[in-house]
Protein backbone atom coordinates (compact mmCIF):
# COMPACT_ATOMS: atom_id res chain seq x y z
CA UNK A 1 45.77 -97.38 26.91
CA UNK A 2 42.62 -98.63 25.34
CA UNK A 3 40.41 -96.28 23.23
CA UNK A 4 37.93 -95.66 25.82
CA UNK A 5 40.59 -94.46 28.07
CA UNK A 6 42.09 -92.09 25.29
CA UNK A 7 38.56 -90.37 24.91
CA UNK A 8 38.21 -89.86 28.52
CA UNK A 9 41.73 -88.50 28.79
CA UNK A 10 40.91 -86.07 25.85
CA UNK A 11 37.84 -84.79 27.40
CA UNK A 12 39.59 -84.09 30.56
CA UNK A 13 42.32 -82.16 28.74
CA UNK A 14 39.79 -79.92 27.57
CA UNK A 15 38.16 -79.36 30.92
CA UNK A 16 38.47 -75.80 32.18
CA UNK A 17 40.11 -75.08 35.41
CA UNK A 18 38.03 -73.36 38.17
CA UNK A 19 39.98 -70.20 37.77
CA UNK A 20 39.07 -70.08 34.15
CA UNK A 21 35.44 -70.78 34.69
CA UNK A 22 35.38 -67.84 37.10
CA UNK A 23 36.94 -65.34 34.69
CA UNK A 24 34.54 -66.44 31.90
CA UNK A 25 31.50 -65.81 34.33
CA UNK A 26 32.88 -62.50 35.05
CA UNK A 27 33.48 -61.42 31.69
CA UNK A 28 29.72 -62.67 30.74
CA UNK A 29 28.33 -60.72 33.66
CA UNK A 30 30.30 -57.49 32.61
CA UNK A 31 28.92 -57.78 29.04
CA UNK A 32 25.48 -58.34 30.20
CA UNK A 33 25.77 -55.22 32.66
CA UNK A 34 27.27 -53.23 29.82
CA UNK A 35 24.24 -54.12 27.63
CA UNK A 36 21.75 -53.21 30.20
CA UNK A 37 23.46 -49.88 30.91
CA UNK A 38 23.28 -49.25 27.00
CA UNK A 39 19.93 -50.30 26.92
CA UNK A 40 18.98 -47.89 29.87
CA UNK A 41 21.37 -45.24 28.19
CA UNK A 42 19.61 -45.36 24.95
CA UNK A 43 16.29 -43.91 25.73
CA UNK A 44 18.22 -40.87 27.30
CA UNK A 45 20.22 -40.29 24.49
CA UNK A 46 17.03 -40.31 22.27
CA UNK A 47 15.33 -37.86 24.50
CA UNK A 48 18.32 -35.59 24.68
CA UNK A 49 18.35 -35.67 20.78
CA UNK A 50 14.77 -34.69 20.85
CA UNK A 51 15.28 -31.87 23.28
CA UNK A 52 18.31 -30.33 21.16
CA UNK A 53 16.25 -30.59 18.18
CA UNK A 54 13.25 -28.96 19.58
CA UNK A 55 15.49 -26.17 20.83
CA UNK A 56 16.96 -25.66 17.33
CA UNK A 57 13.30 -25.63 15.68
CA UNK A 58 12.16 -23.25 18.00
CA UNK A 59 15.16 -20.95 17.93
CA UNK A 60 14.68 -21.02 13.80
CA UNK A 61 11.01 -20.25 14.13
CA UNK A 62 11.65 -17.63 16.37
CA UNK A 63 14.53 -15.89 14.57
CA UNK A 64 11.97 -16.34 11.23
CA UNK A 65 9.31 -14.57 13.23
CA UNK A 66 11.40 -11.83 14.24
CA UNK A 67 12.56 -11.39 10.49
CA UNK A 68 8.92 -11.44 9.44
CA UNK A 69 8.10 -8.91 12.01
CA UNK A 70 10.75 -6.57 11.02
CA UNK A 71 9.54 -6.93 7.29
CA UNK A 72 5.98 -6.32 8.33
CA UNK A 73 6.96 -3.32 10.62
CA UNK A 74 8.96 -1.87 7.46
CA UNK A 75 6.12 -2.31 5.26
CA UNK A 76 3.67 -0.78 7.67
CA UNK A 77 5.88 1.99 8.42
CA UNK A 78 6.12 2.99 4.40
CA UNK A 79 2.37 2.51 4.07
CA UNK A 80 1.42 4.33 6.93
CA UNK A 81 -0.85 7.23 6.49
CA UNK A 82 -3.80 9.00 8.52
CA UNK A 83 -6.35 10.13 5.98
CA UNK A 84 -7.14 10.57 2.15
CA UNK A 85 -6.95 13.72 0.30
CA UNK A 86 -9.49 13.56 -2.57
CA UNK A 87 -8.71 16.21 -5.32
CA UNK A 88 -10.81 17.74 -7.93
CA UNK A 89 -9.35 19.91 -10.62
CA UNK A 90 -10.92 22.69 -12.80
CA UNK A 91 -9.62 22.31 -16.61
CA UNK A 92 -9.39 26.10 -17.32
CA UNK A 93 -7.56 26.88 -14.21
CA UNK A 94 -5.22 23.81 -14.19
CA UNK A 95 -4.26 24.36 -17.86
CA UNK A 96 -3.78 28.22 -17.40
CA UNK A 97 -1.60 27.38 -14.32
CA UNK A 98 0.30 24.40 -15.48
CA UNK A 99 0.82 24.74 -19.26
CA UNK A 100 -0.36 23.18 -22.47
CA UNK A 101 -3.24 20.94 -22.26
CA UNK A 102 -5.07 18.50 -24.67
CA UNK A 103 -8.10 20.38 -26.08
CA UNK A 104 -10.06 17.05 -26.38
CA UNK A 105 -9.67 16.29 -22.62
CA UNK A 106 -11.00 19.91 -21.63
CA UNK A 107 -14.09 19.56 -19.40
CA UNK A 108 -16.47 22.27 -18.51
CA UNK A 109 -17.02 20.75 -15.06
CA UNK A 110 -14.67 19.78 -12.35
CA UNK A 111 -12.90 16.36 -13.04
CA UNK A 112 -10.70 14.17 -10.69
CA UNK A 113 -7.12 14.61 -9.89
CA UNK A 114 -6.57 12.08 -7.61
CA UNK A 115 -7.40 10.10 -4.41
CA UNK A 116 -4.05 10.18 -2.25
CA UNK A 117 -3.25 8.62 1.22
CA UNK A 118 -1.34 11.23 3.16
CA UNK A 119 -0.13 12.49 6.63
CA UNK A 120 -0.66 16.08 6.27
CA UNK A 121 2.90 17.12 5.67
CA UNK A 122 4.18 13.67 4.13
CA UNK A 123 2.62 10.91 2.23
CA UNK A 124 3.54 7.37 1.28
CA UNK A 125 4.22 6.47 -2.22
CA UNK A 126 4.68 3.47 -4.65
CA UNK A 127 4.08 0.96 -1.91
CA UNK A 128 3.35 -2.26 -4.01
CA UNK A 129 5.29 -3.03 -7.27
CA UNK A 130 3.87 -6.62 -7.39
CA UNK A 131 0.40 -5.67 -8.44
CA UNK A 132 0.74 -4.88 -12.34
CA UNK A 133 -1.48 -2.19 -13.92
CA UNK A 134 -3.98 -3.69 -16.09
CA UNK A 135 -6.35 -1.41 -18.27
CA UNK A 136 -8.93 -4.46 -19.11
CA UNK A 137 -9.85 -4.16 -15.21
CA UNK A 138 -11.52 -0.90 -15.95
CA UNK A 139 -13.70 -2.15 -18.94
CA UNK A 140 -16.89 -1.68 -17.12
CA UNK A 141 -15.96 2.00 -16.12
CA UNK A 142 -13.71 3.08 -18.84
CA UNK A 143 -16.19 5.67 -20.20
CA UNK A 144 -16.66 7.27 -17.18
CA UNK A 145 -12.96 7.26 -16.29
CA UNK A 146 -12.49 9.12 -19.85
CA UNK A 147 -15.14 11.57 -18.96
CA UNK A 148 -14.37 12.38 -15.35
CA UNK A 149 -10.97 11.35 -14.78
CA UNK A 150 -9.06 12.33 -18.23
CA UNK A 151 -5.38 13.38 -18.44
CA UNK A 152 -5.67 17.14 -19.74
CA UNK A 153 -1.68 16.94 -20.50
CA UNK A 154 -1.70 13.72 -22.25
CA UNK A 155 -3.58 12.04 -25.18
CA UNK A 156 -3.21 8.83 -23.53
CA UNK A 157 -5.23 8.89 -20.17
CA UNK A 158 -4.17 5.23 -19.25
CA UNK A 159 -0.55 6.56 -18.49
CA UNK A 160 -2.05 9.13 -15.87
CA UNK A 161 -4.33 6.35 -14.23
CA UNK A 162 -1.30 3.99 -14.11
CA UNK A 163 0.66 6.88 -12.33
CA UNK A 164 -2.07 7.65 -9.96
CA UNK A 165 -2.41 3.82 -9.20
CA UNK A 166 1.41 3.15 -8.78
CA UNK A 167 2.15 6.33 -6.69
CA UNK A 168 -1.19 6.71 -4.56
CA UNK A 169 -3.34 3.84 -5.03
CA UNK A 170 -0.74 1.13 -4.11
CA UNK A 171 -0.54 2.55 -0.57
CA UNK A 172 -3.94 2.06 0.44
CA UNK A 173 -4.37 -1.61 -0.04
CA UNK A 174 -5.27 -2.09 3.72
CA UNK A 175 -8.44 -0.16 3.20
CA UNK A 176 -11.39 -2.34 2.01
CA UNK A 177 -13.03 0.35 -0.39
CA UNK A 178 -10.12 0.87 -2.53
CA UNK A 179 -8.34 -2.52 -2.01
CA UNK A 180 -7.33 -3.24 -5.77
CA UNK A 181 -7.11 -1.31 -8.80
CA UNK A 182 -11.01 -1.54 -9.79
CA UNK A 183 -12.16 -0.50 -6.34
CA UNK A 184 -9.57 2.21 -6.10
CA UNK A 185 -10.94 3.95 -9.40
CA UNK A 186 -14.58 3.00 -8.98
CA UNK A 187 -14.80 4.31 -5.21
CA UNK A 188 -12.97 7.68 -6.64
CA UNK A 189 -15.58 7.78 -9.34
CA UNK A 190 -18.36 7.60 -6.67
CA UNK A 191 -16.54 10.13 -4.51
CA UNK A 192 -16.85 12.44 -7.28
CA UNK A 193 -20.55 12.16 -7.78
CA UNK A 194 -21.03 12.31 -4.00
CA UNK A 195 -18.88 15.56 -3.27
CA UNK A 196 -19.19 17.30 -6.75
CA UNK A 197 -17.53 20.68 -6.38
CA UNK A 198 -19.35 21.81 -9.73
CA UNK A 199 -22.43 21.37 -8.20
CA UNK A 200 -21.52 23.09 -4.93
CA UNK A 201 -20.36 26.29 -6.49
CA UNK A 202 -23.35 26.47 -8.65
CA UNK A 203 -25.56 26.06 -5.78
CA UNK A 204 -24.10 29.19 -4.18
CA UNK A 205 -24.44 31.24 -7.39
CA UNK A 206 -20.58 30.83 -8.17
CA UNK A 207 -19.94 30.30 -11.72
CA UNK A 208 -16.68 30.27 -14.04
CA UNK A 209 -16.29 33.78 -15.55
CA UNK A 210 -13.46 36.05 -16.78
CA UNK A 211 -15.70 39.10 -15.84
CA UNK A 212 -15.14 39.09 -12.09
CA UNK A 213 -13.27 37.63 -9.32
CA UNK A 214 -14.35 35.60 -6.14
CA UNK A 215 -12.82 36.15 -2.75
CA UNK A 216 -11.24 33.18 -1.04
CA UNK A 217 -14.02 33.51 1.68
CA UNK A 218 -16.77 33.10 -0.77
CA UNK A 219 -15.33 30.26 -2.32
CA UNK A 220 -14.53 28.78 1.02
CA UNK A 221 -18.09 29.35 2.39
CA UNK A 222 -19.79 27.92 -0.52
CA UNK A 223 -18.01 24.61 -0.10
CA UNK A 224 -18.28 24.40 3.67
CA UNK A 225 -21.90 25.14 3.45
CA UNK A 226 -22.36 22.27 1.34
CA UNK A 227 -19.85 19.92 2.80
CA UNK A 228 -20.37 20.77 6.28
CA UNK A 229 -16.25 20.35 6.83
CA UNK A 230 -13.44 22.29 5.96
CA UNK A 231 -11.94 21.98 2.53
CA UNK A 232 -8.54 22.99 0.90
CA UNK A 233 -8.59 25.41 -1.99
CA UNK A 234 -5.59 25.66 -4.27
CA UNK A 235 -4.51 28.35 -6.67
CA UNK A 236 -1.75 29.31 -8.79
CA UNK A 237 -0.24 32.51 -10.02
CA UNK A 238 -0.57 32.93 -13.65
CA UNK A 239 1.01 35.53 -16.13
CA UNK A 240 -1.45 37.93 -17.20
CA UNK A 241 -3.97 37.66 -14.31
CA UNK A 242 -3.79 40.09 -11.50
CA UNK A 243 -4.90 37.73 -9.06
CA UNK A 244 -4.31 33.94 -8.41
CA UNK A 245 -6.29 31.35 -10.60
CA UNK A 246 -8.22 28.74 -9.06
CA UNK A 247 -6.98 25.33 -9.95
CA UNK A 248 -7.96 22.72 -7.24
CA UNK A 249 -10.44 22.00 -4.49
CA UNK A 250 -8.98 19.03 -1.95
CA UNK A 251 -11.44 17.30 0.40
CA UNK A 252 -10.10 15.29 3.19
CA UNK A 253 -11.53 11.84 4.08
CA UNK A 254 -11.16 9.63 6.95
CA UNK A 255 -8.72 6.61 6.28
CA UNK A 256 -11.20 3.43 6.55
CA UNK A 257 -14.56 4.96 6.17
CA UNK A 258 -13.61 7.67 3.41
CA UNK A 259 -16.13 10.11 5.29
CA UNK A 260 -15.48 13.87 5.26
CA UNK A 261 -13.36 15.37 7.87
CA UNK A 262 -11.67 18.93 8.34
CA UNK A 263 -8.79 19.94 6.23
CA UNK A 264 -6.14 21.45 8.31
CA UNK A 265 -5.07 24.03 5.73
CA UNK A 266 -7.73 26.09 4.56
CA UNK A 267 -6.29 27.44 1.02
CA UNK A 268 -2.79 27.18 -0.77
CA UNK A 269 -1.48 29.82 -2.95
CA UNK A 270 -4.80 31.97 -3.09
CA UNK A 271 -3.79 34.70 -0.68
CA UNK A 272 -6.30 36.42 1.28
CA UNK A 273 -8.23 38.40 -1.32
CA UNK A 274 -9.65 37.62 -4.76
CA UNK A 275 -9.28 34.81 -7.20
CA UNK A 276 -10.23 34.08 -10.64
CA UNK A 277 -12.52 31.15 -11.32
CA UNK A 278 -11.89 30.57 -15.20
CA UNK A 279 -14.03 29.18 -17.56
CA UNK A 280 -13.17 26.86 -20.45
CA UNK A 281 -11.28 28.74 -23.05
CA UNK A 282 -10.33 31.87 -21.23
CA UNK A 283 -7.20 32.93 -20.02
CA UNK A 284 -4.15 32.16 -22.11
CA UNK A 285 -5.54 30.47 -25.25
CA UNK A 286 -2.23 29.18 -26.49
CA UNK A 287 -2.18 26.77 -23.52
CA UNK A 288 -5.13 25.05 -24.91
CA UNK A 289 -3.59 24.52 -28.28
CA UNK A 290 -3.81 20.73 -28.18
CA UNK A 291 0.05 20.21 -27.72
CA UNK A 292 0.50 16.90 -25.80
CA UNK A 293 2.92 16.81 -22.88
CA UNK A 294 3.86 13.49 -20.90
CA UNK A 295 3.15 13.44 -17.29
């Protein structure tokens, strides 16, 4: 066999049979169809992944929203109140009724006890512990606070103010007029000047004295004639006095406007007859000995 014939014979030896060629074509077609199916299925798989991812995100957001709603509802329930009580006190009556007082903090006029959010029979308290009490906030009104909102039982009035803010003021943050420490104390000072019990009683000829008593009706009428709304008179039984001693007058104010509204209770602890309206220095003098007491 010559060389050319051997080459042709070698190539013929490697030539595929018809059946082998058919199998290869079928296999190639199968691979091509599989790739086409995978290409077709790939977008569907991606869409399904996006779908389930979206479902997971929506579920997470919804559950988070429910948790936040529950938290908001709990906070709202805790801070819920219907109106404000603005309490003014007489130093002589309060000290006679409640114990030792600081003589330097005694005033001959009515001073502020507090501004309290309330629901008549209950009240929210200590609603926000995240706002730290900062006495420097009051630098502009510090002198007025010392004069008209002193602690009659402690040398340190700032401890009294801290107590009033943390217990009561922190529960009224949703009301613009008292939203924050400065606004709370500044607005309360403003309320004292607007609704001044000292002036109201003097205008009706009612002065503090140890020489006589006043009827509850006289006191109540003197206040309602000036306020045009019902106030709450608070008294306390004191040893050595035949009748209760006047200690506080509480005014009721609307929640958002802080405007006068009728109080539901006329008096507390005053009885139905006479009460003493004591001047400074009268009553049990040992209770004005300057002995400091904590709140």
